[in-house]
PDB file of N, CA and C in Angstrom:
ATOM      1  N   MET A   1       0.962  -1.238  -0.099  1.00  0.00           N
ATOM      2  CA  MET A   1       0.044  -0.008   0.045  1.00  0.00           C
ATOM      3  C   MET A   1       0.878   1.167   0.011  1.00  0.00           C
ATOM      4  N   LYS A   2       0.408   2.444  -0.722  1.00  0.00           N
ATOM      5  CA  LYS A   2       1.170   3.433  -0.862  1.00  0.00           C
ATOM      6  C   LYS A   2       0.709   4.573   0.242  1.00  0.00           C
ATOM      7  N   LEU A   3       1.550   5.362   0.580  1.00  0.00           N
ATOM      8  CA  LEU A   3       1.491   6.410   1.573  1.00  0.00           C
ATOM      9  C   LEU A   3       1.451   7.892   0.809  1.00  0.00           C
ATOM     10  N   ARG A   4       0.489   8.610   1.074  1.00  0.00           N
ATOM     11  CA  ARG A   4       0.320   9.992   0.711  1.00  0.00           C
ATOM     12  C   ARG A   4       0.484  10.847   2.095  1.00  0.00           C
ATOM     13  N   VAL A   5       1.280  11.970   2.196  1.00  0.00           N
ATOM     14  CA  VAL A   5       1.249  12.917   3.249  1.00  0.00           C
ATOM     15  C   VAL A   5       0.695  13.899   2.996  1.00  0.00           C
ATOM     16  N   HIS A   6      -0.213  14.358   3.882  1.00  0.00           N
ATOM     17  CA  HIS A   6      -0.735  15.703   3.922  1.00  0.00           C
ATOM     18  C   HIS A   6       0.381  16.871   3.983  1.00  0.00           C
ATOM     19  N   SER A   7       0.429  17.869   3.338  1.00  0.00           N
ATOM     20  CA  SER A   7       1.500  18.928   3.597  1.00  0.00           C
ATOM     21  C   SER A   7       1.438  19.414   4.862  1.00  0.00           C
ATOM     22  N   SER A   8       0.328  19.591   5.525  1.00  0.00           N
ATOM     23  CA  SER A   8       0.531  19.951   6.774  1.00  0.00           C
ATOM     24  C   SER A   8       1.044  19.132   7.782  1.00  0.00           C
ATOM     25  N   ALA A   9       0.751  17.751   7.545  1.00  0.00           N
ATOM     26  CA  ALA A   9       1.491  16.766   8.267  1.00  0.00           C
ATOM     27  C   ALA A   9       2.874  16.778   8.268  1.00  0.00           C
ATOM     28  N   GLU A  10       3.415  16.951   7.231  1.00  0.00           N
ATOM     29  CA  GLU A  10       5.029  17.090   6.708  1.00  0.00           C
ATOM     30  C   GLU A  10       5.565  18.410   7.598  1.00  0.00           C
ATOM     31  N   ARG A  11       4.708  19.469   7.722  1.00  0.00           N
ATOM     32  CA  ARG A  11       5.306  20.589   8.413  1.00  0.00           C
ATOM     33  C   ARG A  11       5.327  20.217   9.776  1.00  0.00           C
ATOM     34  N   GLU A  12       4.092  19.555  10.446  1.00  0.00           N
ATOM     35  CA  GLU A  12       4.313  19.255  11.672  1.00  0.00           C
ATOM     36  C   GLU A  12       5.282  18.193  12.210  1.00  0.00           C
ATOM     37  N   LEU A  13       5.859  17.395  11.263  1.00  0.00           N
ATOM     38  CA  LEU A  13       6.924  16.516  11.631  1.00  0.00           C
ATOM     39  C   LEU A  13       8.311  17.403  11.533  1.00  0.00           C
ATOM     40  N   LEU A  14       8.369  18.363  10.637  1.00  0.00           N
ATOM     41  CA  LEU A  14       9.631  19.199  10.650  1.00  0.00           C
ATOM     42  C   LEU A  14       9.582  20.120  11.929  1.00  0.00           C
ATOM     43  N   ALA A  15       8.454  20.612  12.433  1.00  0.00           N
ATOM     44  CA  ALA A  15       8.342  21.415  13.551  1.00  0.00           C
ATOM     45  C   ALA A  15       8.732  20.703  14.683  1.00  0.00           C
ATOM     46  N   GLY A  16       8.030  19.561  14.811  1.00  0.00           N
ATOM     47  CA  GLY A  16       8.428  18.708  16.063  1.00  0.00           C
ATOM     48  C   GLY A  16       9.829  18.168  16.077  1.00  0.00           C
ATOM     49  N   ALA A  17      10.439  18.025  15.021  1.00  0.00           N
ATOM     50  CA  ALA A  17      11.914  17.510  15.032  1.00  0.00           C
ATOM     51  C   ALA A  17      12.816  18.798  15.228  1.00  0.00           C
ATOM     52  N   LYS A  18      12.438  20.077  14.763  1.00  0.00           N
ATOM     53  CA  LYS A  18      13.172  21.322  15.071  1.00  0.00           C
ATOM     54  C   LYS A  18      13.073  21.507  16.707  1.00  0.00           C
ATOM     55  N   TRP A  19      11.816  21.253  17.212  1.00  0.00           N
ATOM     56  CA  TRP A  19      11.657  21.640  18.522  1.00  0.00           C
ATOM     57  C   TRP A  19      12.520  20.660  19.549  1.00  0.00           C
ATOM     58  N   TYR A  20      12.493  19.459  19.205  1.00  0.00           N
ATOM     59  CA  TYR A  20      13.188  18.488  19.843  1.00  0.00           C
ATOM     60  C   TYR A  20      14.776  18.620  19.705  1.00  0.00           C
ATOM     61  N   GLU A  21      15.155  18.990  18.464  1.00  0.00           N
ATOM     62  CA  GLU A  21      16.548  19.152  18.117  1.00  0.00           C
ATOM     63  C   GLU A  21      17.145  20.548  18.978  1.00  0.00           C
ATOM     64  N   ASP A  22      16.500  21.502  19.050  1.00  0.00           N
ATOM     65  CA  ASP A  22      16.549  22.636  19.871  1.00  0.00           C
ATOM     66  C   ASP A  22      16.824  22.455  21.282  1.00  0.00           C
ATOM     67  N   ARG A  23      16.242  21.354  21.913  1.00  0.00           N
ATOM     68  CA  ARG A  23      16.273  20.905  23.134  1.00  0.00           C
ATOM     69  C   ARG A  23      17.649  20.343  23.520  1.00  0.00           C
ATOM     70  N   GLN A  24      17.942  19.214  22.634  1.00  0.00           N
ATOM     71  CA  GLN A  24      18.893  18.355  22.802  1.00  0.00           C
ATOM     72  C   GLN A  24      19.358  17.974  21.294  1.00  0.00           C
ATOM     73  N   PRO A  25      20.822  18.185  21.058  1.00  0.00           N
ATOM     74  CA  PRO A  25      21.167  17.854  19.717  1.00  0.00           C
ATOM     75  C   PRO A  25      20.900  16.465  19.530  1.00  0.00           C
ATOM     76  N   GLY A  26      20.633  16.021  18.395  1.00  0.00           N
ATOM     77  CA  GLY A  26      20.506  14.467  18.053  1.00  0.00           C
ATOM     78  C   GLY A  26      18.973  13.926  18.321  1.00  0.00           C
ATOM     79  N   LEU A  27      18.257  14.777  19.220  1.00  0.00           N
ATOM     80  CA  LEU A  27      16.964  14.263  19.650  1.00  0.00           C
ATOM     81  C   LEU A  27      16.040  14.442  18.552  1.00  0.00           C
ATOM     82  N   GLY A  28      16.032  15.487  17.687  1.00  0.00           N
ATOM     83  CA  GLY A  28      15.386  15.744  16.361  1.00  0.00           C
ATOM     84  C   GLY A  28      15.383  14.624  15.494  1.00  0.00           C
ATOM     85  N   ASP A  29      16.593  14.128  15.392  1.00  0.00           N
ATOM     86  CA  ASP A  29      16.816  12.804  14.479  1.00  0.00           C
ATOM     87  C   ASP A  29      16.038  11.676  15.000  1.00  0.00           C
ATOM     88  N   GLU A  30      16.084  11.735  16.397  1.00  0.00           N
ATOM     89  CA  GLU A  30      15.471  10.378  16.963  1.00  0.00           C
ATOM     90  C   GLU A  30      14.018  10.643  16.899  1.00  0.00           C
ATOM     91  N   PHE A  31      13.466  11.721  16.947  1.00  0.00           N
ATOM     92  CA  PHE A  31      11.945  11.912  16.592  1.00  0.00           C
ATOM     93  C   PHE A  31      11.667  11.532  15.293  1.00  0.00           C
ATOM     94  N   VAL A  32      12.415  11.865  14.269  1.00  0.00           N
ATOM     95  CA  VAL A  32      12.192  11.416  12.875  1.00  0.00           C
ATOM     96  C   VAL A  32      12.203   9.979  12.688  1.00  0.00           C
ATOM     97  N   ASP A  33      13.249   9.276  13.444  1.00  0.00           N
ATOM     98  CA  ASP A  33      13.311   7.979  13.283  1.00  0.00           C
ATOM     99  C   ASP A  33      11.970   7.126  13.987  1.00  0.00           C
ATOM    100  N   GLU A  34      11.557   7.670  14.942  1.00  0.00           N
ATOM    101  CA  GLU A  34      10.382   7.135  15.436  1.00  0.00           C
ATOM    102  C   GLU A  34       9.181   7.465  14.663  1.00  0.00           C
ATOM    103  N   TYR A  35       9.253   8.392  13.911  1.00  0.00           N
ATOM    104  CA  TYR A  35       8.018   8.726  13.011  1.00  0.00           C
ATOM    105  C   TYR A  35       8.053   7.652  11.820  1.00  0.00           C
ATOM    106  N   GLN A  36       9.326   7.332  11.240  1.00  0.00           N
ATOM    107  CA  GLN A  36       9.454   6.501  10.346  1.00  0.00           C
ATOM    108  C   GLN A  36       9.279   5.004  10.595  1.00  0.00           C
ATOM    109  N   ALA A  37       9.439   4.629  11.912  1.00  0.00           N
ATOM    110  CA  ALA A  37       9.197   3.396  12.532  1.00  0.00           C
ATOM    111  C   ALA A  37       7.669   3.319  12.480  1.00  0.00           C
ATOM    112  N   ALA A  38       7.035   4.337  12.774  1.00  0.00           N
ATOM    113  CA  ALA A  38       5.507   4.400  12.909  1.00  0.00           C
ATOM    114  C   ALA A  38       4.943   4.217  11.589  1.00  0.00           C
ATOM    115  N   ILE A  39       5.468   4.982  10.738  1.00  0.00           N
ATOM    116  CA  ILE A  39       4.837   4.681   9.261  1.00  0.00           C
ATOM    117  C   ILE A  39       5.077   3.283   8.927  1.00  0.00           C
ATOM    118  N   LEU A  40       6.173   2.624   9.229  1.00  0.00           N
ATOM    119  CA  LEU A  40       6.314   1.301   8.824  1.00  0.00           C
ATOM    120  C   LEU A  40       5.266   0.416   9.134  1.00  0.00           C
ATOM    121  N   ARG A  41       5.034   0.642  10.768  1.00  0.00           N
ATOM    122  CA  ARG A  41       4.150  -0.315  11.306  1.00  0.00           C
ATOM    123  C   ARG A  41       2.668   0.116  10.692  1.00  0.00           C
ATOM    124  N   THR A  42       2.240   1.186  10.396  1.00  0.00           N
ATOM    125  CA  THR A  42       0.986   1.659   9.761  1.00  0.00           C
ATOM    126  C   THR A  42       0.992   0.912   8.502  1.00  0.00           C
ATOM    127  N   LEU A  43       1.950   1.046   7.607  1.00  0.00           N
ATOM    128  CA  LEU A  43       1.874   0.302   6.221  1.00  0.00           C
ATOM    129  C   LEU A  43       1.738  -1.125   6.307  1.00  0.00           C
ATOM    130  N   ALA A  44       2.393  -1.696   7.374  1.00  0.00           N
ATOM    131  CA  ALA A  44       2.219  -3.083   7.545  1.00  0.00           C
ATOM    132  C   ALA A  44       0.974  -3.698   8.071  1.00  0.00           C
ATOM    133  N   ALA A  45       0.239  -2.955   8.835  1.00  0.00           N
ATOM    134  CA  ALA A  45      -1.050  -3.385   9.357  1.00  0.00           C
ATOM    135  C   ALA A  45      -1.957  -2.081   9.636  1.00  0.00           C
ATOM    136  N   PRO A  46      -2.494  -1.569   8.458  1.00  0.00           N
ATOM    137  CA  PRO A  46      -3.066  -0.220   8.689  1.00  0.00           C
ATOM    138  C   PRO A  46      -4.301  -0.260   9.340  1.00  0.00           C
ATOM    139  N   ASN A  47      -4.892  -1.463   9.453  1.00  0.00           N
ATOM    140  CA  ASN A  47      -6.389  -1.441  10.283  1.00  0.00           C
ATOM    141  C   ASN A  47      -6.203  -2.031  11.647  1.00  0.00           C
ATOM    142  N   SER A  48      -4.823  -2.013  12.270  1.00  0.00           N
ATOM    143  CA  SER A  48      -4.823  -2.636  13.396  1.00  0.00           C
ATOM    144  C   SER A  48      -4.695  -1.572  14.467  1.00  0.00           C
ATOM    145  N   PHE A  49      -4.757  -0.275  14.254  1.00  0.00           N
ATOM    146  CA  PHE A  49      -4.647   0.699  15.076  1.00  0.00           C
ATOM    147  C   PHE A  49      -6.039   1.129  15.715  1.00  0.00           C
ATOM    148  N   ALA A  50      -6.074   1.837  16.650  1.00  0.00           N
ATOM    149  CA  ALA A  50      -7.445   2.433  17.246  1.00  0.00           C
ATOM    150  C   ALA A  50      -8.052   3.437  16.290  1.00  0.00           C
ATOM    151  N   ARG A  51      -9.384   3.556  16.174  1.00  0.00           N
ATOM    152  CA  ARG A  51     -10.059   4.342  15.459  1.00  0.00           C
ATOM    153  C   ARG A  51     -10.298   5.632  16.313  1.00  0.00           C
ATOM    154  N   VAL A  52     -10.345   6.725  15.782  1.00  0.00           N
ATOM    155  CA  VAL A  52     -10.472   8.054  16.380  1.00  0.00           C
ATOM    156  C   VAL A  52     -11.923   8.287  15.997  1.00  0.00           C
ATOM    157  N   GLU A  53     -12.622   8.988  17.143  1.00  0.00           N
ATOM    158  CA  GLU A  53     -14.017   9.335  16.856  1.00  0.00           C
ATOM    159  C   GLU A  53     -13.957  10.524  15.941  1.00  0.00           C
ATOM    160  N   THR A  54     -15.022  10.473  14.882  1.00  0.00           N
ATOM    161  CA  THR A  54     -15.070  11.461  14.027  1.00  0.00           C
ATOM    162  C   THR A  54     -16.264  12.232  13.979  1.00  0.00           C
ATOM    163  N   ASN A  55     -17.386  11.889  14.724  1.00  0.00           N
ATOM    164  CA  ASN A  55     -18.634  12.604  14.705  1.00  0.00           C
ATOM    165  C   ASN A  55     -19.209  12.918  13.531  1.00  0.00           C
ATOM    166  N   LYS A  56     -20.286  12.276  13.177  1.00  0.00           N
ATOM    167  CA  LYS A  56     -21.184  12.647  11.965  1.00  0.00           C
ATOM    168  C   LYS A  56     -20.350  12.423  10.696  1.00  0.00           C
ATOM    169  N   SER A  57     -19.133  11.618  10.861  1.00  0.00           N
ATOM    170  CA  SER A  57     -18.447  11.461   9.397  1.00  0.00           C
ATOM    171  C   SER A  57     -18.596   9.967   9.196  1.00  0.00           C
ATOM    172  N   ARG A  58     -18.273   9.464   7.937  1.00  0.00           N
ATOM    173  CA  ARG A  58     -18.171   8.072   7.823  1.00  0.00           C
ATOM    174  C   ARG A  58     -16.799   7.826   7.601  1.00  0.00           C
ATOM    175  N   ARG A  59     -15.898   8.778   7.695  1.00  0.00           N
ATOM    176  CA  ARG A  59     -14.653   8.347   7.499  1.00  0.00           C
ATOM    177  C   ARG A  59     -14.147   7.641   8.587  1.00  0.00           C
ATOM    178  N   ILE A  60     -13.171   6.724   8.371  1.00  0.00           N
ATOM    179  CA  ILE A  60     -12.477   5.923   9.425  1.00  0.00           C
ATOM    180  C   ILE A  60     -11.135   6.447   9.610  1.00  0.00           C
ATOM    181  N   ILE A  61     -10.776   7.129  10.678  1.00  0.00           N
ATOM    182  CA  ILE A  61      -9.456   7.633  10.861  1.00  0.00           C
ATOM    183  C   ILE A  61      -8.841   6.938  11.926  1.00  0.00           C
ATOM    184  N   ARG A  62      -7.634   6.576  11.810  1.00  0.00           N
ATOM    185  CA  ARG A  62      -6.996   5.768  12.992  1.00  0.00           C
ATOM    186  C   ARG A  62      -5.745   6.304  13.506  1.00  0.00           C
ATOM    187  N   ARG A  63      -5.199   6.121  14.593  1.00  0.00           N
ATOM    188  CA  ARG A  63      -4.029   6.632  15.074  1.00  0.00           C
ATOM    189  C   ARG A  63      -2.947   5.667  15.480  1.00  0.00           C
ATOM    190  N   CYS A  64      -1.853   5.956  15.014  1.00  0.00           N
ATOM    191  CA  CYS A  64      -0.600   5.242  15.336  1.00  0.00           C
ATOM    192  C   CYS A  64       0.372   5.873  16.431  1.00  0.00           C
ATOM    193  N   PRO A  65       0.579   5.528  17.660  1.00  0.00           N
ATOM    194  CA  PRO A  65       1.350   6.245  18.426  1.00  0.00           C
ATOM    195  C   PRO A  65       2.959   6.178  18.006  1.00  0.00           C
ATOM    196  N   LEU A  66       3.565   7.281  18.351  1.00  0.00           N
ATOM    197  CA  LEU A  66       5.076   7.215  18.064  1.00  0.00           C
ATOM    198  C   LEU A  66       5.610   6.509  19.498  1.00  0.00           C
ATOM    199  N   ASN A  67       6.632   5.891  19.648  1.00  0.00           N
ATOM    200  CA  ASN A  67       7.204   5.265  20.759  1.00  0.00           C
ATOM    201  C   ASN A  67       8.138   6.512  21.237  1.00  0.00           C
ATOM    202  N   ARG A  68       8.218   6.765  22.501  1.00  0.00           N
ATOM    203  CA  ARG A  68       9.223   7.616  23.196  1.00  0.00           C
ATOM    204  C   ARG A  68       8.744   9.087  23.149  1.00  0.00           C
ATOM    205  N   PHE A  69       7.855   9.376  22.310  1.00  0.00           N
ATOM    206  CA  PHE A  69       7.509  10.842  22.072  1.00  0.00           C
ATOM    207  C   PHE A  69       6.092  10.930  22.157  1.00  0.00           C
ATOM    208  N   PRO A  70       5.306  12.150  22.649  1.00  0.00           N
ATOM    209  CA  PRO A  70       3.942  12.119  23.053  1.00  0.00           C
ATOM    210  C   PRO A  70       3.186  12.650  21.785  1.00  0.00           C
ATOM    211  N   TYR A  71       3.476  11.924  20.552  1.00  0.00           N
ATOM    212  CA  TYR A  71       2.985  12.158  19.387  1.00  0.00           C
ATOM    213  C   TYR A  71       2.163  10.940  18.654  1.00  0.00           C
ATOM    214  N   TYR A  72       1.273  11.160  17.688  1.00  0.00           N
ATOM    215  CA  TYR A  72       0.766   9.911  17.092  1.00  0.00           C
ATOM    216  C   TYR A  72       0.507  10.256  15.507  1.00  0.00           C
ATOM    217  N   LEU A  73       0.293   9.403  14.845  1.00  0.00           N
ATOM    218  CA  LEU A  73       0.124   9.689  13.356  1.00  0.00           C
ATOM    219  C   LEU A  73      -1.465   9.493  13.068  1.00  0.00           C
ATOM    220  N   ALA A  74      -1.998  10.471  12.729  1.00  0.00           N
ATOM    221  CA  ALA A  74      -3.619  10.469  12.352  1.00  0.00           C
ATOM    222  C   ALA A  74      -3.618  10.129  10.761  1.00  0.00           C
ATOM    223  N   TYR A  75      -4.379   9.108  10.511  1.00  0.00           N
ATOM    224  CA  TYR A  75      -4.260   8.662   9.169  1.00  0.00           C
ATOM    225  C   TYR A  75      -5.629   7.925   8.727  1.00  0.00           C
ATOM    226  N   GLU A  76      -6.038   7.867   7.478  1.00  0.00           N
ATOM    227  CA  GLU A  76      -7.151   7.237   6.887  1.00  0.00           C
ATOM    228  C   GLU A  76      -6.772   6.449   5.636  1.00  0.00           C
ATOM    229  N   VAL A  77      -7.193   5.146   5.986  1.00  0.00           N
ATOM    230  CA  VAL A  77      -6.972   4.063   4.818  1.00  0.00           C
ATOM    231  C   VAL A  77      -8.053   4.344   3.691  1.00  0.00           C
ATOM    232  N   ARG A  78      -7.469   4.404   2.546  1.00  0.00           N
ATOM    233  CA  ARG A  78      -8.368   4.866   1.403  1.00  0.00           C
ATOM    234  C   ARG A  78      -8.266   3.470   0.493  1.00  0.00           C
ATOM    235  N   ASP A  79      -8.848   3.423  -0.462  1.00  0.00           N
ATOM    236  CA  ASP A  79      -8.969   2.174  -1.405  1.00  0.00           C
ATOM    237  C   ASP A  79      -7.591   1.630  -1.732  1.00  0.00           C
ATOM    238  N   ASP A  80      -6.597   2.446  -2.166  1.00  0.00           N
ATOM    239  CA  ASP A  80      -5.285   1.943  -2.771  1.00  0.00           C
ATOM    240  C   ASP A  80      -4.359   2.709  -2.019  1.00  0.00           C
ATOM    241  N   PHE A  81      -4.343   3.590  -1.120  1.00  0.00           N
ATOM    242  CA  PHE A  81      -3.312   4.286  -0.268  1.00  0.00           C
ATOM    243  C   PHE A  81      -3.727   4.719   1.108  1.00  0.00           C
ATOM    244  N   ILE A  82      -2.902   4.985   1.823  1.00  0.00           N
ATOM    245  CA  ILE A  82      -2.924   5.648   3.163  1.00  0.00           C
ATOM    246  C   ILE A  82      -2.825   7.084   3.265  1.00  0.00           C
ATOM    247  N   LEU A  83      -3.609   8.020   3.698  1.00  0.00           N
ATOM    248  CA  LEU A  83      -3.413   9.339   3.706  1.00  0.00           C
ATOM    249  C   LEU A  83      -3.059   9.808   5.292  1.00  0.00           C
ATOM    250  N   LEU A  84      -1.930  10.125   5.200  1.00  0.00           N
ATOM    251  CA  LEU A  84      -1.454  10.551   6.697  1.00  0.00           C
ATOM    252  C   LEU A  84      -2.017  12.132   6.886  1.00  0.00           C
ATOM    253  N   LEU A  85      -2.928  12.241   7.679  1.00  0.00           N
ATOM    254  CA  LEU A  85      -3.410  13.455   8.001  1.00  0.00           C
ATOM    255  C   LEU A  85      -2.620  14.503   8.836  1.00  0.00           C
ATOM    256  N   ALA A  86      -2.070  13.765   9.893  1.00  0.00           N
ATOM    257  CA  ALA A  86      -1.335  14.730  10.949  1.00  0.00           C
ATOM    258  C   ALA A  86      -0.201  13.993  11.583  1.00  0.00           C
ATOM    259  N   VAL A  87       0.624  14.706  12.168  1.00  0.00           N
ATOM    260  CA  VAL A  87       1.706  14.202  13.063  1.00  0.00           C
ATOM    261  C   VAL A  87       1.383  15.057  14.363  1.00  0.00           C
ATOM    262  N   ALA A  88       0.500  14.659  15.102  1.00  0.00           N
ATOM    263  CA  ALA A  88      -0.254  15.408  16.212  1.00  0.00           C
ATOM    264  C   ALA A  88       0.378  15.121  17.556  1.00  0.00           C
ATOM    265  N   HIS A  89       0.387  16.102  18.251  1.00  0.00           N
ATOM    266  CA  HIS A  89       0.697  16.067  19.698  1.00  0.00           C
ATOM    267  C   HIS A  89      -0.409  15.448  20.589  1.00  0.00           C
ATOM    268  N   GLU A  90      -0.406  14.587  21.511  1.00  0.00           N
ATOM    269  CA  GLU A  90      -1.135  14.007  22.188  1.00  0.00           C
ATOM    270  C   GLU A  90      -2.169  14.795  23.199  1.00  0.00           C
ATOM    271  N   LYS A  91      -1.310  16.044  23.565  1.00  0.00           N
ATOM    272  CA  LYS A  91      -2.003  16.944  24.591  1.00  0.00           C
ATOM    273  C   LYS A  91      -2.382  18.292  24.117  1.00  0.00           C
ATOM    274  N   ARG A  92      -2.122  18.450  22.850  1.00  0.00           N
ATOM    275  CA  ARG A  92      -2.310  19.721  22.264  1.00  0.00           C
ATOM    276  C   ARG A  92      -3.292  19.821  21.155  1.00  0.00           C
ATOM    277  N   ARG A  93      -4.202  20.757  21.308  1.00  0.00           N
ATOM    278  CA  ARG A  93      -5.039  20.957  20.164  1.00  0.00           C
ATOM    279  C   ARG A  93      -5.884  19.747  19.742  1.00  0.00           C
ATOM    280  N   PRO A  94      -6.658  18.992  20.417  1.00  0.00           N
ATOM    281  CA  PRO A  94      -7.165  17.724  20.122  1.00  0.00           C
ATOM    282  C   PRO A  94      -8.074  18.088  18.997  1.00  0.00           C
ATOM    283  N   ASN A  95      -8.131  17.023  17.941  1.00  0.00           N
ATOM    284  CA  ASN A  95      -8.625  16.951  16.707  1.00  0.00           C
ATOM    285  C   ASN A  95      -8.750  18.081  15.653  1.00  0.00           C
ATOM    286  N   TYR A  96      -7.797  18.897  15.878  1.00  0.00           N
ATOM    287  CA  TYR A  96      -7.636  20.045  14.856  1.00  0.00           C
ATOM    288  C   TYR A  96      -7.536  19.692  13.388  1.00  0.00           C
ATOM    289  N   TRP A  97      -7.103  18.500  13.188  1.00  0.00           N
ATOM    290  CA  TRP A  97      -6.677  18.040  11.919  1.00  0.00           C
ATOM    291  C   TRP A  97      -8.006  17.386  11.081  1.00  0.00           C
ATOM    292  N   LYS A  98      -9.060  17.077  11.964  1.00  0.00           N
ATOM    293  CA  LYS A  98     -10.134  16.371  11.443  1.00  0.00           C
ATOM    294  C   LYS A  98     -10.905  16.883  10.129  1.00  0.00           C
ATOM    295  N   ARG A  99     -10.540  18.048   9.810  1.00  0.00           N
ATOM    296  CA  ARG A  99     -11.063  18.620   8.354  1.00  0.00           C
ATOM    297  C   ARG A  99     -10.013  18.385   7.343  1.00  0.00           C
ATOM    298  N   ARG A 100      -9.125  18.029   7.478  1.00  0.00           N
ATOM    299  CA  ARG A 100      -8.005  17.886   6.347  1.00  0.00           C
ATOM    300  C   ARG A 100      -8.538  16.635   5.577  1.00  0.00           C
ATOM    301  N   ARG A 101      -8.348  16.720   4.092  1.00  0.00           N
ATOM    302  CA  ARG A 101      -8.773  15.878   3.014  1.00  0.00           C
ATOM    303  C   ARG A 101      -7.619  15.414   2.399  1.00  0.00           C
TER     304      ARG A 101
END
Protein backbone atom coordinates (compact mmCIF):
# COMPACT_ATOMS: atom_id res chain seq x y z
CA MET A 1 0.00 0.00 0.00
CA LYS A 2 1.25 3.50 -0.80
CA LEU A 3 1.48 6.45 1.55
CA ARG A 4 0.43 10.01 0.81
CA VAL A 5 1.37 12.70 3.30
CA HIS A 6 -0.74 15.81 3.75
CA SER A 7 1.44 18.91 3.44
CA SER A 8 0.41 20.06 6.93
CA ALA A 9 1.50 16.72 8.40
CA GLU A 10 4.90 17.17 6.79
CA ARG A 11 5.21 20.63 8.35
CA GLU A 12 4.21 19.21 11.74
CA LEU A 13 6.92 16.56 11.50
CA LEU A 14 9.55 19.17 10.70
CA ALA A 15 8.36 21.49 13.48
CA GLY A 16 8.42 18.66 16.03
CA ALA A 17 11.89 17.56 14.95
CA LYS A 18 13.17 21.14 15.20
CA TRP A 19 11.66 21.59 18.66
CA TYR A 20 13.35 18.43 19.95
CA GLU A 21 16.63 19.27 18.23
CA ASP A 22 16.64 22.71 19.87
CA ARG A 23 16.27 21.04 23.27
CA GLN A 24 19.01 18.45 22.76
CA PRO A 25 21.24 17.86 19.72
CA GLY A 26 20.38 14.56 18.06
CA LEU A 27 16.92 14.30 19.62
CA GLY A 28 15.27 15.72 16.50
CA ASP A 29 16.79 12.88 14.47
CA GLU A 30 15.47 10.38 17.01
CA PHE A 31 12.01 11.91 16.65
CA VAL A 32 12.19 11.45 12.87
CA ASP A 33 13.39 7.86 13.37
CA GLU A 34 10.35 7.14 15.57
CA TYR A 35 8.11 8.73 12.95
CA GLN A 36 9.58 6.47 10.26
CA ALA A 37 9.13 3.40 12.47
CA ALA A 38 5.47 4.35 13.02
CA ILE A 39 5.01 4.77 9.26
CA LEU A 40 6.38 1.24 8.72
CA ARG A 41 4.02 -0.17 11.39
CA THR A 42 1.11 1.64 9.77
CA LEU A 43 1.92 0.37 6.29
CA ALA A 44 2.37 -3.19 7.58
CA ALA A 45 -0.99 -3.34 9.36
CA PRO A 46 -3.07 -0.23 8.65
CA ASN A 47 -6.30 -1.52 10.21
CA SER A 48 -4.75 -2.67 13.47
CA PHE A 49 -4.59 0.71 15.20
CA ALA A 50 -7.34 2.38 17.22
CA ARG A 51 -10.04 4.37 15.51
CA VAL A 52 -10.52 8.05 16.25
CA GLU A 53 -14.02 9.34 16.88
CA THR A 54 -15.02 11.49 13.92
CA ASN A 55 -18.57 12.62 14.79
CA LYS A 56 -21.14 12.61 11.98
CA SER A 57 -18.55 11.48 9.46
CA ARG A 58 -18.31 8.17 7.70
CA ARG A 59 -14.55 8.47 7.50
CA ILE A 60 -12.52 5.93 9.43
CA ILE A 61 -9.48 7.65 10.85
CA ARG A 62 -6.94 5.77 12.92
CA ARG A 63 -4.04 6.74 15.13
CA CYS A 64 -0.62 5.12 15.45
CA PRO A 65 1.40 6.31 18.46
CA LEU A 66 5.07 7.17 18.23
CA ASN A 67 7.28 5.43 20.77
CA ARG A 68 9.20 7.65 23.21
CA PHE A 69 7.43 10.84 22.12
CA PRO A 70 3.92 12.14 22.93
CA TYR A 71 2.86 12.20 19.27
CA TYR A 72 0.73 10.02 17.02
CA LEU A 73 0.05 9.66 13.33
CA ALA A 74 -3.54 10.36 12.33
CA TYR A 75 -4.32 8.61 9.06
CA GLU A 76 -7.13 7.40 6.85
CA VAL A 77 -7.05 4.16 4.87
CA ARG A 78 -8.35 4.72 1.37
CA ASP A 79 -8.91 2.13 -1.37
CA ASP A 80 -5.34 2.00 -2.64
CA PHE A 81 -3.35 4.26 -0.33
CA ILE A 82 -3.01 5.59 3.20
CA LEU A 83 -3.43 9.33 3.72
CA LEU A 84 -1.39 10.67 6.62
CA LEU A 85 -3.43 13.58 7.93
CA ALA A 86 -1.34 14.73 10.90
CA VAL A 87 1.68 14.21 13.09
CA ALA A 88 -0.20 15.33 16.19
CA HIS A 89 0.83 15.96 19.78
CA GLU A 90 -1.27 13.92 22.19
CA LYS A 91 -1.98 16.81 24.58
CA ARG A 92 -2.27 19.86 22.32
CA ARG A 93 -5.19 21.03 20.21
CA PRO A 94 -7.17 17.78 20.04
CA ASN A 95 -8.81 16.98 16.72
CA TYR A 96 -7.62 20.11 14.92
CA TRP A 97 -6.73 18.01 11.85
CA LYS A 98 -10.14 16.34 11.33
CA ARG A 99 -11.15 18.62 8.46
CA ARG A 100 -8.10 17.77 6.38
CA ARG A 101 -8.75 15.84 3.19
